[in-house]
């Protein structure tokens, strides 16, 4: 893993080299098959949530417990106060403490820190910098794990790769359709960003479907085009769902907000209201190659995806959610086992 000041962090999957990523997926499978002897007795992870979580919190706590370690769970809404992340800030506002101080103190209590930072929600040009998670990684003296920032969700992408590998075997040359879905409350594009780059890195052919105005971040699109070229695969974006799903092995349903309307809920709601027909159903899935359905959840049933699909044989959503546990165990072992062995 790449390091800042010799400390390995997982802020993005790009922090992992190709061999490291392959080893992590292999270890995830061994752990899932109960073929890994690794334990983390005496080790602890601090979980800091500045936004709500269900699967991420539960899977992290279960992972550490099952490995023999422990967690300290902190929620910004109830357990601590606002933190300043701007370097050199004059702290005469709401935040009484700087990330620099919190990170260095918590580093003396735990062996790793997992952070789900808050999003400003006002300006995409500001939020896309991922200043908060970068600040934690810069100042912590233990590994920092990104539990979903504005730009990425590497933990979800790890579980997604594991799920697709289990389902399809070798991913090179397989086809993935990522399709936008209608939702009354659109999620961030973090899951889509990480999945897109991870799938291309695995050599998959990826198509991203979305209505006009829901284009992904320019930097992500540039990285995706470069990744597709380097891996000698294909990447296309901006088509309709039916075109994207044609011939796909995996259909990944996901709603994300328009970056054009970011920070303006009125315009965002108006744009969503003009998009209809973006529900994934069996008729669309039949256009794929015995296509299987994935969704990171939570999912709005019969709005994003029909009950028939979610509860039917094509669905991988529960396996996908379970794989969060196994892939996060593998990550924790990879980050902490050398110290644990000593």
Foldseek 3Di string as FASTA:
>chain_A
DAADVPAQAPPACVSDDPVRLVVLLVQLVCVVVVNDPAAQAPAEEEEEEADDDDLLVVLLQVLNVVRNHHYHYYYDVPRHDDEAQDPPDPPPDRHPYHLLVVQAVVLVVGQEYEYADDAPQAACVVQVVVRRQVSSRNRHPHYYYYCDGLAAHRLLLSLVVSLCCVVPPQLAAAEEEEEAFQDQDAAHCHHVLRNLLSSLLSNYAYEYEDAPQADDDPVSVVSSVVSCVVSVHYYYYHHHLLVRQQAHQEYEYHHHWGNVCGNPVVVRSVVSVPDPPQADEPVSNVNYDLHAYEYQDPDDEPRNYHPCRCVDPRYCHVVSSVSSNSSVSSVCCVRCVVVSVD
